[in-house]
Amino acid sequence: MIRQLRHKLVSISLVTVGYLLMWLIPVVTSVLSLSSIIVGVFSVFLSPLVGLRQGLLIGLMQLGLGATMLGVGFLMAPVAWYSVRYLIRFVAGLTHLVGRILKRRLKEIV
């Protein structure tokens, strides 16, 4: 009895870890996109203040890094969008498949 319960808990844990790992790529790309855009906006708007305090070259470098961060963020946004979009379809299909398999096994047991 305890052994069967342990096997069920292990299988539930493995399925949960699998779902978490599948969602890792969209979460990482979304966080990178959003953080790059936010950092880029702050860097571009605050670069004149840095240029006034530290010098023109440092201000231009700050402006260039801000523009680069904005570009990285805007390039990552479609990657995040499409990865979420396709993963939702994949996870829905996988969940449907797992549900059908479990229903078949329950019919065999009963």
C-alpha atoms as a PDB file:
ATOM      1  CA  MET A   1       0.000   0.000   0.000  1.00  0.00           C
ATOM      2  CA  ILE A   2       2.726   2.457   0.970  1.00  0.00           C
ATOM      3  CA  ARG A   3       4.774   1.418  -2.043  1.00  0.00           C
ATOM      4  CA  GLN A   4       1.900   2.210  -4.445  1.00  0.00           C
ATOM      5  CA  LEU A   5       1.367   5.572  -2.780  1.00  0.00           C
ATOM      6  CA  ARG A   6       5.063   6.331  -3.098  1.00  0.00           C
ATOM      7  CA  HIS A   7       5.003   5.477  -6.816  1.00  0.00           C
ATOM      8  CA  LYS A   8       2.012   7.753  -7.365  1.00  0.00           C
ATOM      9  CA  LEU A   9       3.695  10.624  -5.529  1.00  0.00           C
ATOM     10  CA  VAL A  10       6.898  10.169  -7.512  1.00  0.00           C
ATOM     11  CA  SER A  11       5.002  10.155 -10.810  1.00  0.00           C
ATOM     12  CA  ILE A  12       3.057  13.291  -9.853  1.00  0.00           C
ATOM     13  CA  SER A  13       6.325  14.967  -8.862  1.00  0.00           C
ATOM     14  CA  LEU A  14       7.972  14.022 -12.169  1.00  0.00           C
ATOM     15  CA  VAL A  15       5.059  15.386 -14.195  1.00  0.00           C
ATOM     16  CA  THR A  16       5.117  18.612 -12.182  1.00  0.00           C
ATOM     17  CA  VAL A  17       8.865  19.039 -12.686  1.00  0.00           C
ATOM     18  CA  GLY A  18       8.409  18.391 -16.408  1.00  0.00           C
ATOM     19  CA  TYR A  19       5.780  21.114 -16.687  1.00  0.00           C
ATOM     20  CA  LEU A  20       7.972  23.539 -14.733  1.00  0.00           C
ATOM     21  CA  LEU A  21      10.945  22.839 -16.994  1.00  0.00           C
ATOM     22  CA  MET A  22       8.815  23.383 -20.099  1.00  0.00           C
ATOM     23  CA  TRP A  23       7.768  26.813 -18.858  1.00  0.00           C
ATOM     24  CA  LEU A  24      11.347  27.815 -18.047  1.00  0.00           C
ATOM     25  CA  ILE A  25      12.221  29.104 -21.550  1.00  0.00           C
ATOM     26  CA  PRO A  26       9.207  31.439 -21.909  1.00  0.00           C
ATOM     27  CA  VAL A  27       9.670  32.802 -18.402  1.00  0.00           C
ATOM     28  CA  VAL A  28      13.371  33.493 -18.921  1.00  0.00           C
ATOM     29  CA  THR A  29      12.852  35.164 -22.305  1.00  0.00           C
ATOM     30  CA  SER A  30       9.986  37.268 -20.937  1.00  0.00           C
ATOM     31  CA  VAL A  31      12.019  38.421 -17.936  1.00  0.00           C
ATOM     32  CA  LEU A  32      15.041  39.210 -20.118  1.00  0.00           C
ATOM     33  CA  SER A  33      12.887  41.169 -22.552  1.00  0.00           C
ATOM     34  CA  LEU A  34      11.087  43.184 -19.901  1.00  0.00           C
ATOM     35  CA  SER A  35      14.185  43.915 -17.833  1.00  0.00           C
ATOM     36  CA  SER A  36      16.222  44.914 -20.910  1.00  0.00           C
ATOM     37  CA  ILE A  37      13.536  47.348 -22.026  1.00  0.00           C
ATOM     38  CA  ILE A  38      13.204  48.897 -18.553  1.00  0.00           C
ATOM     39  CA  VAL A  39      16.970  49.219 -18.086  1.00  0.00           C
ATOM     40  CA  GLY A  40      17.380  50.603 -21.598  1.00  0.00           C
ATOM     41  CA  VAL A  41      14.712  53.278 -21.083  1.00  0.00           C
ATOM     42  CA  PHE A  42      16.238  54.398 -17.785  1.00  0.00           C
ATOM     43  CA  SER A  43      19.723  54.390 -19.253  1.00  0.00           C
ATOM     44  CA  VAL A  44      18.753  56.435 -22.322  1.00  0.00           C
ATOM     45  CA  PHE A  45      16.824  59.018 -20.325  1.00  0.00           C
ATOM     46  CA  LEU A  46      19.444  59.344 -17.578  1.00  0.00           C
ATOM     47  CA  SER A  47      22.502  59.404 -19.841  1.00  0.00           C
ATOM     48  CA  PRO A  48      22.468  63.237 -20.166  1.00  0.00           C
ATOM     49  CA  LEU A  49      22.713  63.515 -16.381  1.00  0.00           C
ATOM     50  CA  VAL A  50      25.630  61.103 -16.350  1.00  0.00           C
ATOM     51  CA  GLY A  51      27.227  63.054 -19.193  1.00  0.00           C
ATOM     52  CA  LEU A  52      26.968  66.305 -17.252  1.00  0.00           C
ATOM     53  CA  ARG A  53      28.436  64.858 -14.071  1.00  0.00           C
ATOM     54  CA  GLN A  54      31.078  62.448 -15.397  1.00  0.00           C
ATOM     55  CA  GLY A  55      31.952  63.791 -18.801  1.00  0.00           C
ATOM     56  CA  LEU A  56      30.824  63.587 -22.394  1.00  0.00           C
ATOM     57  CA  LEU A  57      32.487  60.236 -23.190  1.00  0.00           C
ATOM     58  CA  ILE A  58      30.918  58.483 -20.210  1.00  0.00           C
ATOM     59  CA  GLY A  59      27.522  59.959 -21.109  1.00  0.00           C
ATOM     60  CA  LEU A  60      27.821  58.754 -24.705  1.00  0.00           C
ATOM     61  CA  MET A  61      28.846  55.317 -23.508  1.00  0.00           C
ATOM     62  CA  GLN A  62      25.823  55.237 -21.212  1.00  0.00           C
ATOM     63  CA  LEU A  63      23.573  56.279 -24.107  1.00  0.00           C
ATOM     64  CA  GLY A  64      25.026  53.548 -26.333  1.00  0.00           C
ATOM     65  CA  LEU A  65      24.579  50.880 -23.682  1.00  0.00           C
ATOM     66  CA  GLY A  66      21.006  52.021 -23.129  1.00  0.00           C
ATOM     67  CA  ALA A  67      20.245  51.811 -26.837  1.00  0.00           C
ATOM     68  CA  THR A  68      21.817  48.352 -26.948  1.00  0.00           C
ATOM     69  CA  MET A  69      19.674  47.208 -24.026  1.00  0.00           C
ATOM     70  CA  LEU A  70      16.560  48.544 -25.734  1.00  0.00           C
ATOM     71  CA  GLY A  71      17.499  46.643 -28.875  1.00  0.00           C
ATOM     72  CA  VAL A  72      18.070  43.415 -26.954  1.00  0.00           C
ATOM     73  CA  GLY A  73      14.735  43.839 -25.199  1.00  0.00           C
ATOM     74  CA  PHE A  74      12.864  44.483 -28.426  1.00  0.00           C
ATOM     75  CA  LEU A  75      14.547  41.483 -30.064  1.00  0.00           C
ATOM     76  CA  MET A  76      13.673  39.199 -27.149  1.00  0.00           C
ATOM     77  CA  ALA A  77      10.019  40.279 -26.995  1.00  0.00           C
ATOM     78  CA  PRO A  78       8.894  38.335 -30.116  1.00  0.00           C
ATOM     79  CA  VAL A  79      10.890  35.305 -28.975  1.00  0.00           C
ATOM     80  CA  ALA A  80       9.071  35.400 -25.654  1.00  0.00           C
ATOM     81  CA  TRP A  81       5.697  35.934 -27.334  1.00  0.00           C
ATOM     82  CA  TYR A  82       6.053  33.027 -29.755  1.00  0.00           C
ATOM     83  CA  SER A  83       7.548  30.670 -27.184  1.00  0.00           C
ATOM     84  CA  VAL A  84       4.599  31.303 -24.844  1.00  0.00           C
ATOM     85  CA  ARG A  85       2.130  30.961 -27.693  1.00  0.00           C
ATOM     86  CA  TYR A  86       3.455  27.637 -28.954  1.00  0.00           C
ATOM     87  CA  LEU A  87       4.097  26.250 -25.490  1.00  0.00           C
ATOM     88  CA  ILE A  88       0.472  26.857 -24.478  1.00  0.00           C
ATOM     89  CA  ARG A  89      -0.649  24.743 -27.438  1.00  0.00           C
ATOM     90  CA  PHE A  90       1.911  22.047 -26.666  1.00  0.00           C
ATOM     91  CA  VAL A  91       1.026  21.890 -22.973  1.00  0.00           C
ATOM     92  CA  ALA A  92      -2.707  21.730 -23.754  1.00  0.00           C
ATOM     93  CA  GLY A  93      -2.114  18.812 -26.132  1.00  0.00           C
ATOM     94  CA  LEU A  94       0.164  17.070 -23.661  1.00  0.00           C
ATOM     95  CA  THR A  95      -2.341  17.496 -20.836  1.00  0.00           C
ATOM     96  CA  HIS A  96      -5.084  16.098 -23.048  1.00  0.00           C
ATOM     97  CA  LEU A  97      -2.885  13.109 -23.922  1.00  0.00           C
ATOM     98  CA  VAL A  98      -2.002  12.427 -20.293  1.00  0.00           C
ATOM     99  CA  GLY A  99      -5.689  12.691 -19.360  1.00  0.00           C
ATOM    100  CA  ARG A 100      -6.647  10.122 -21.999  1.00  0.00           C
ATOM    101  CA  ILE A 101      -3.926   7.739 -20.830  1.00  0.00           C
ATOM    102  CA  LEU A 102      -5.052   8.072 -17.222  1.00  0.00           C
ATOM    103  CA  LYS A 103      -8.705   7.473 -18.174  1.00  0.00           C
ATOM    104  CA  ARG A 104      -7.714   4.296 -20.025  1.00  0.00           C
ATOM    105  CA  ARG A 105      -5.720   3.037 -17.058  1.00  0.00           C
ATOM    106  CA  LEU A 106      -8.568   3.791 -14.675  1.00  0.00           C
ATOM    107  CA  LYS A 107     -10.957   1.811 -16.893  1.00  0.00           C
ATOM    108  CA  GLU A 108      -8.533  -1.134 -16.836  1.00  0.00           C
ATOM    109  CA  ILE A 109      -8.278  -1.025 -13.052  1.00  0.00           C
ATOM    110  CA  VAL A 110     -12.043  -0.744 -12.476  1.00  0.00           C
END
